[in-house]
Amino acid sequence: MESFDKIDYNQDIIAQIKNNFDVQEAIVRNLTFGSNIPVILVQFKSLENLEKHWKELNSLVTAEYLIKLDNDFSKWNSYIFFVTEDVPKPLKYEIENNKFSTRKIVIEMETPLINDDVINNIISEHIVNDDIQFEVESIDVGEFFKNDLVGNIFDDFIKDNPKKADDNTLIELLTKIETGLDNEN
């Protein structure tokens, strides 16, 4: 993924993460997607360490790294991916639904190993969404013909109520249209 680069000033935060937490791996990259999106991948050495220290790690990243970014888009669109083996659902829910600072996603892998392929797959699935495949079928519905009765009711209503657009006014308009159509049939 050519728009996903290591960034020069990330070594300091990687060193801080590795010095403060028992991690197997810590990677900080920058994704250029609309603007710069900081992406941090962390693999704790144990599930217990993840459970005990994910909040502290998030706070460290926020205080020592994200606060130094010069653009609000990057600050508000930053990700921490916790790469690990199976995680209990309550812990995964707590991590991923924590609203402080970054978007946190738990990536469960049978054999957690962070490499370029894994990184690209994570980015593709969770940020860029270019792994989504769908087919759109176009159905010809024919030509649209204006219903003169509905058009006239609408035009008269606008003349009588030029500045009203509240719910009651719209309900009144729909009622007039329904009544007009019922009377037409």
C-alpha atoms as a PDB file:
ATOM      1  CA  MET A   1       0.000   0.000   0.000  1.00  0.00           C
ATOM      2  CA  GLU A   2       1.952   2.977  -1.271  1.00  0.00           C
ATOM      3  CA  SER A   3       0.010   5.523   0.773  1.00  0.00           C
ATOM      4  CA  PHE A   4       1.026   3.837   4.027  1.00  0.00           C
ATOM      5  CA  ASP A   5       4.427   4.967   5.236  1.00  0.00           C
ATOM      6  CA  LYS A   6       6.666   4.853   8.239  1.00  0.00           C
ATOM      7  CA  ILE A   7       7.032   8.349   9.592  1.00  0.00           C
ATOM      8  CA  ASP A   8      10.286   9.881  10.738  1.00  0.00           C
ATOM      9  CA  TYR A   9       9.180  11.196  14.121  1.00  0.00           C
ATOM     10  CA  ASN A  10       7.618   7.934  15.308  1.00  0.00           C
ATOM     11  CA  GLN A  11      10.760   6.396  16.817  1.00  0.00           C
ATOM     12  CA  ASP A  12      10.308   8.303  20.061  1.00  0.00           C
ATOM     13  CA  ILE A  13       6.787   6.982  20.679  1.00  0.00           C
ATOM     14  CA  ILE A  14       7.823   3.438  19.725  1.00  0.00           C
ATOM     15  CA  ALA A  15      10.667   3.604  22.254  1.00  0.00           C
ATOM     16  CA  GLN A  16       8.314   4.942  24.930  1.00  0.00           C
ATOM     17  CA  ILE A  17       5.802   2.144  24.270  1.00  0.00           C
ATOM     18  CA  LYS A  18       8.522  -0.525  24.385  1.00  0.00           C
ATOM     19  CA  ASN A  19      10.091   0.960  27.540  1.00  0.00           C
ATOM     20  CA  ASN A  20       6.818   1.337  29.448  1.00  0.00           C
ATOM     21  CA  PHE A  21       4.935  -1.801  28.439  1.00  0.00           C
ATOM     22  CA  ASP A  22       5.678  -5.479  27.987  1.00  0.00           C
ATOM     23  CA  VAL A  23       5.069  -5.593  24.238  1.00  0.00           C
ATOM     24  CA  GLN A  24       6.159  -8.012  21.576  1.00  0.00           C
ATOM     25  CA  GLU A  25       5.847  -5.407  18.834  1.00  0.00           C
ATOM     26  CA  ALA A  26       4.962  -1.737  18.385  1.00  0.00           C
ATOM     27  CA  ILE A  27       4.650  -0.117  14.979  1.00  0.00           C
ATOM     28  CA  VAL A  28       3.638   3.452  14.183  1.00  0.00           C
ATOM     29  CA  ARG A  29       2.776   4.381  10.631  1.00  0.00           C
ATOM     30  CA  ASN A  30       1.022   7.135   8.780  1.00  0.00           C
ATOM     31  CA  LEU A  31      -1.766   6.416   6.303  1.00  0.00           C
ATOM     32  CA  THR A  32      -2.443   9.080   3.706  1.00  0.00           C
ATOM     33  CA  PHE A  33      -6.167   8.730   3.067  1.00  0.00           C
ATOM     34  CA  GLY A  34      -7.840  12.082   2.620  1.00  0.00           C
ATOM     35  CA  SER A  35      -5.267  13.422   5.036  1.00  0.00           C
ATOM     36  CA  ASN A  36      -2.782  11.831   7.431  1.00  0.00           C
ATOM     37  CA  ILE A  37      -4.149   9.098   9.673  1.00  0.00           C
ATOM     38  CA  PRO A  38      -1.862   7.860  12.460  1.00  0.00           C
ATOM     39  CA  VAL A  39      -1.971   4.077  12.774  1.00  0.00           C
ATOM     40  CA  ILE A  40      -0.415   2.297  15.740  1.00  0.00           C
ATOM     41  CA  LEU A  41      -0.193  -1.469  15.965  1.00  0.00           C
ATOM     42  CA  VAL A  42       0.690  -3.045  19.294  1.00  0.00           C
ATOM     43  CA  GLN A  43       1.124  -6.650  20.311  1.00  0.00           C
ATOM     44  CA  PHE A  44       1.412  -7.227  24.048  1.00  0.00           C
ATOM     45  CA  LYS A  45       3.382 -10.262  25.178  1.00  0.00           C
ATOM     46  CA  SER A  46       0.365 -11.610  27.061  1.00  0.00           C
ATOM     47  CA  LEU A  47      -3.369 -11.200  27.287  1.00  0.00           C
ATOM     48  CA  GLU A  48      -2.933 -10.188  30.940  1.00  0.00           C
ATOM     49  CA  ASN A  49      -0.692  -7.282  29.915  1.00  0.00           C
ATOM     50  CA  LEU A  50      -3.230  -6.161  27.320  1.00  0.00           C
ATOM     51  CA  GLU A  51      -5.992  -6.275  29.915  1.00  0.00           C
ATOM     52  CA  LYS A  52      -3.963  -4.355  32.513  1.00  0.00           C
ATOM     53  CA  HIS A  53      -2.267  -1.754  30.315  1.00  0.00           C
ATOM     54  CA  TRP A  54      -4.305  -0.898  27.203  1.00  0.00           C
ATOM     55  CA  LYS A  55      -5.729   2.258  28.826  1.00  0.00           C
ATOM     56  CA  GLU A  56      -2.292   3.428  29.946  1.00  0.00           C
ATOM     57  CA  LEU A  57      -0.898   2.808  26.477  1.00  0.00           C
ATOM     58  CA  ASN A  58      -3.738   4.800  24.920  1.00  0.00           C
ATOM     59  CA  SER A  59      -3.066   7.656  27.351  1.00  0.00           C
ATOM     60  CA  LEU A  60       0.656   7.600  26.578  1.00  0.00           C
ATOM     61  CA  VAL A  61       0.013   7.698  22.814  1.00  0.00           C
ATOM     62  CA  THR A  62      -2.390  10.602  23.287  1.00  0.00           C
ATOM     63  CA  ALA A  63      -0.152  12.629  25.597  1.00  0.00           C
ATOM     64  CA  GLU A  64       3.194  11.975  23.938  1.00  0.00           C
ATOM     65  CA  TYR A  65       2.347  11.543  20.276  1.00  0.00           C
ATOM     66  CA  LEU A  66      -1.089  12.674  19.116  1.00  0.00           C
ATOM     67  CA  ILE A  67      -0.953  15.975  20.993  1.00  0.00           C
ATOM     68  CA  LYS A  68       2.089  16.916  18.877  1.00  0.00           C
ATOM     69  CA  LEU A  69       0.316  16.426  15.555  1.00  0.00           C
ATOM     70  CA  ASP A  70      -0.339  19.657  13.726  1.00  0.00           C
ATOM     71  CA  ASN A  71      -3.676  18.846  12.132  1.00  0.00           C
ATOM     72  CA  ASP A  72      -7.019  18.162  13.779  1.00  0.00           C
ATOM     73  CA  PHE A  73      -8.016  15.562  11.183  1.00  0.00           C
ATOM     74  CA  SER A  74      -5.059  13.410  12.233  1.00  0.00           C
ATOM     75  CA  LYS A  75      -5.814  13.878  15.919  1.00  0.00           C
ATOM     76  CA  TRP A  76      -9.465  12.856  15.505  1.00  0.00           C
ATOM     77  CA  ASN A  77      -8.784  10.034  13.050  1.00  0.00           C
ATOM     78  CA  SER A  78      -6.132   8.003  14.788  1.00  0.00           C
ATOM     79  CA  TYR A  79      -6.161   4.256  15.346  1.00  0.00           C
ATOM     80  CA  ILE A  80      -4.597   1.818  17.760  1.00  0.00           C
ATOM     81  CA  PHE A  81      -4.826  -1.821  16.727  1.00  0.00           C
ATOM     82  CA  PHE A  82      -4.200  -4.364  19.471  1.00  0.00           C
ATOM     83  CA  VAL A  83      -3.030  -7.539  17.740  1.00  0.00           C
ATOM     84  CA  THR A  84      -3.504 -10.607  19.898  1.00  0.00           C
ATOM     85  CA  GLU A  85      -4.815 -14.143  20.129  1.00  0.00           C
ATOM     86  CA  ASP A  86      -8.332 -14.778  21.395  1.00  0.00           C
ATOM     87  CA  VAL A  87      -9.683 -12.062  23.671  1.00  0.00           C
ATOM     88  CA  PRO A  88     -12.658 -12.457  26.005  1.00  0.00           C
ATOM     89  CA  LYS A  89     -15.672 -10.655  24.539  1.00  0.00           C
ATOM     90  CA  PRO A  90     -16.142  -8.320  27.536  1.00  0.00           C
ATOM     91  CA  LEU A  91     -12.543  -7.083  27.250  1.00  0.00           C
ATOM     92  CA  LYS A  92     -12.780  -6.643  23.482  1.00  0.00           C
ATOM     93  CA  TYR A  93     -16.048  -4.745  23.925  1.00  0.00           C
ATOM     94  CA  GLU A  94     -14.532  -2.498  26.604  1.00  0.00           C
ATOM     95  CA  ILE A  95     -11.472  -1.669  24.495  1.00  0.00           C
ATOM     96  CA  GLU A  96     -13.323  -1.059  21.231  1.00  0.00           C
ATOM     97  CA  ASN A  97     -16.071   1.025  22.824  1.00  0.00           C
ATOM     98  CA  ASN A  98     -13.752   3.271  24.805  1.00  0.00           C
ATOM     99  CA  LYS A  99     -14.242   6.807  23.470  1.00  0.00           C
ATOM    100  CA  PHE A 100     -11.059   8.406  24.811  1.00  0.00           C
ATOM    101  CA  SER A 101      -8.802   9.817  22.114  1.00  0.00           C
ATOM    102  CA  THR A 102      -8.250   7.072  19.532  1.00  0.00           C
ATOM    103  CA  ARG A 103     -10.292   4.461  17.782  1.00  0.00           C
ATOM    104  CA  LYS A 104      -9.178   1.180  19.272  1.00  0.00           C
ATOM    105  CA  ILE A 105      -9.666  -2.124  17.468  1.00  0.00           C
ATOM    106  CA  VAL A 106      -8.738  -5.574  18.710  1.00  0.00           C
ATOM    107  CA  ILE A 107      -7.411  -7.828  15.954  1.00  0.00           C
ATOM    108  CA  GLU A 108      -7.613 -11.479  16.924  1.00  0.00           C
ATOM    109  CA  MET A 109      -5.256 -13.809  15.083  1.00  0.00           C
ATOM    110  CA  GLU A 110      -4.484 -17.466  15.631  1.00  0.00           C
ATOM    111  CA  THR A 111      -0.758 -16.711  15.419  1.00  0.00           C
ATOM    112  CA  PRO A 112      -0.278 -12.993  16.047  1.00  0.00           C
ATOM    113  CA  LEU A 113       2.530 -11.756  13.857  1.00  0.00           C
ATOM    114  CA  ILE A 114       2.649  -8.186  12.608  1.00  0.00           C
ATOM    115  CA  ASN A 115       4.152  -7.965   9.135  1.00  0.00           C
ATOM    116  CA  ASP A 116       3.462  -5.841   6.054  1.00  0.00           C
ATOM    117  CA  ASP A 117       0.736  -8.187   4.753  1.00  0.00           C
ATOM    118  CA  VAL A 118      -1.058  -8.157   8.098  1.00  0.00           C
ATOM    119  CA  ILE A 119      -0.749  -4.381   8.332  1.00  0.00           C
ATOM    120  CA  ASN A 120      -2.119  -3.896   4.810  1.00  0.00           C
ATOM    121  CA  ASN A 121      -5.029  -6.279   5.488  1.00  0.00           C
ATOM    122  CA  ILE A 122      -5.906  -4.491   8.734  1.00  0.00           C
ATOM    123  CA  ILE A 123      -5.831  -1.081   7.046  1.00  0.00           C
ATOM    124  CA  SER A 124      -7.841  -2.371   4.104  1.00  0.00           C
ATOM    125  CA  GLU A 125     -10.527  -3.900   6.313  1.00  0.00           C
ATOM    126  CA  HIS A 126     -10.814  -1.314   9.073  1.00  0.00           C
ATOM    127  CA  ILE A 127      -9.969   2.070   7.547  1.00  0.00           C
ATOM    128  CA  VAL A 128      -9.971   2.108   3.756  1.00  0.00           C
ATOM    129  CA  ASN A 129     -12.626  -0.607   3.310  1.00  0.00           C
ATOM    130  CA  ASP A 130     -11.324  -1.481  -0.142  1.00  0.00           C
ATOM    131  CA  ASP A 131     -11.927  -5.148   0.632  1.00  0.00           C
ATOM    132  CA  ILE A 132     -15.684  -4.680   0.281  1.00  0.00           C
ATOM    133  CA  GLN A 133     -17.016  -6.105  -2.937  1.00  0.00           C
ATOM    134  CA  PHE A 134     -20.536  -5.484  -4.099  1.00  0.00           C
ATOM    135  CA  GLU A 135     -22.507  -5.519  -7.271  1.00  0.00           C
ATOM    136  CA  VAL A 136     -25.062  -2.911  -8.203  1.00  0.00           C
ATOM    137  CA  GLU A 137     -27.834  -3.946 -10.522  1.00  0.00           C
ATOM    138  CA  SER A 138     -29.611  -1.209 -12.403  1.00  0.00           C
ATOM    139  CA  ILE A 139     -33.313  -1.738 -12.959  1.00  0.00           C
ATOM    140  CA  ASP A 140     -35.085   0.293 -15.609  1.00  0.00           C
ATOM    141  CA  VAL A 141     -38.233   1.648 -13.990  1.00  0.00           C
ATOM    142  CA  GLY A 142     -39.392   3.454 -17.063  1.00  0.00           C
ATOM    143  CA  GLU A 143     -40.107   7.079 -17.591  1.00  0.00           C
ATOM    144  CA  PHE A 144     -41.416   9.237 -14.751  1.00  0.00           C
ATOM    145  CA  PHE A 145     -44.640  11.084 -15.424  1.00  0.00           C
ATOM    146  CA  LYS A 146     -45.661  13.989 -13.267  1.00  0.00           C
ATOM    147  CA  ASN A 147     -49.057  13.625 -11.641  1.00  0.00           C
ATOM    148  CA  ASP A 148     -50.776  16.937 -12.373  1.00  0.00           C
ATOM    149  CA  LEU A 149     -53.148  16.559  -9.386  1.00  0.00           C
ATOM    150  CA  VAL A 150     -50.258  16.146  -6.922  1.00  0.00           C
ATOM    151  CA  GLY A 151     -48.319  18.954  -8.608  1.00  0.00           C
ATOM    152  CA  ASN A 152     -51.265  21.345  -8.351  1.00  0.00           C
ATOM    153  CA  ILE A 153     -51.918  20.475  -4.690  1.00  0.00           C
ATOM    154  CA  PHE A 154     -48.254  21.019  -3.910  1.00  0.00           C
ATOM    155  CA  ASP A 155     -48.086  24.334  -5.818  1.00  0.00           C
ATOM    156  CA  ASP A 156     -51.253  25.656  -4.099  1.00  0.00           C
ATOM    157  CA  PHE A 157     -49.944  24.576  -0.709  1.00  0.00           C
ATOM    158  CA  ILE A 158     -46.605  26.372  -1.226  1.00  0.00           C
ATOM    159  CA  LYS A 159     -48.467  29.581  -2.184  1.00  0.00           C
ATOM    160  CA  ASP A 160     -50.601  29.383   0.977  1.00  0.00           C
ATOM    161  CA  ASN A 161     -47.701  28.386   3.293  1.00  0.00           C
ATOM    162  CA  PRO A 162     -44.522  29.955   1.858  1.00  0.00           C
ATOM    163  CA  LYS A 163     -42.441  29.897   5.069  1.00  0.00           C
ATOM    164  CA  LYS A 164     -43.875  26.933   6.947  1.00  0.00           C
ATOM    165  CA  ALA A 165     -42.049  23.613   6.974  1.00  0.00           C
ATOM    166  CA  ASP A 166     -42.884  22.146  10.373  1.00  0.00           C
ATOM    167  CA  ASP A 167     -44.226  18.626  10.883  1.00  0.00           C
ATOM    168  CA  ASN A 168     -47.855  19.711  11.143  1.00  0.00           C
ATOM    169  CA  THR A 169     -47.655  21.626   7.865  1.00  0.00           C
ATOM    170  CA  LEU A 170     -46.091  18.662   6.079  1.00  0.00           C
ATOM    171  CA  ILE A 171     -48.710  16.283   7.501  1.00  0.00           C
ATOM    172  CA  GLU A 172     -51.409  18.669   6.258  1.00  0.00           C
ATOM    173  CA  LEU A 173     -49.811  18.625   2.777  1.00  0.00           C
ATOM    174  CA  LEU A 174     -49.635  14.821   2.704  1.00  0.00           C
ATOM    175  CA  THR A 175     -53.255  14.589   3.839  1.00  0.00           C
ATOM    176  CA  LYS A 176     -54.337  16.900   0.972  1.00  0.00           C
ATOM    177  CA  ILE A 177     -52.375  14.799  -1.526  1.00  0.00           C
ATOM    178  CA  GLU A 178     -53.883  11.538  -0.212  1.00  0.00           C
ATOM    179  CA  THR A 179     -57.402  13.013  -0.279  1.00  0.00           C
ATOM    180  CA  GLY A 180     -56.875  14.298  -3.828  1.00  0.00           C
ATOM    181  CA  LEU A 181     -55.622  10.915  -5.016  1.00  0.00           C
ATOM    182  CA  ASP A 182     -58.491   9.082  -3.296  1.00  0.00           C
ATOM    183  CA  ASN A 183     -61.008  11.395  -4.954  1.00  0.00           C
ATOM    184  CA  GLU A 184     -59.315  10.871  -8.341  1.00  0.00           C
ATOM    185  CA  ASN A 185     -59.787   7.094  -8.136  1.00  0.00           C
END
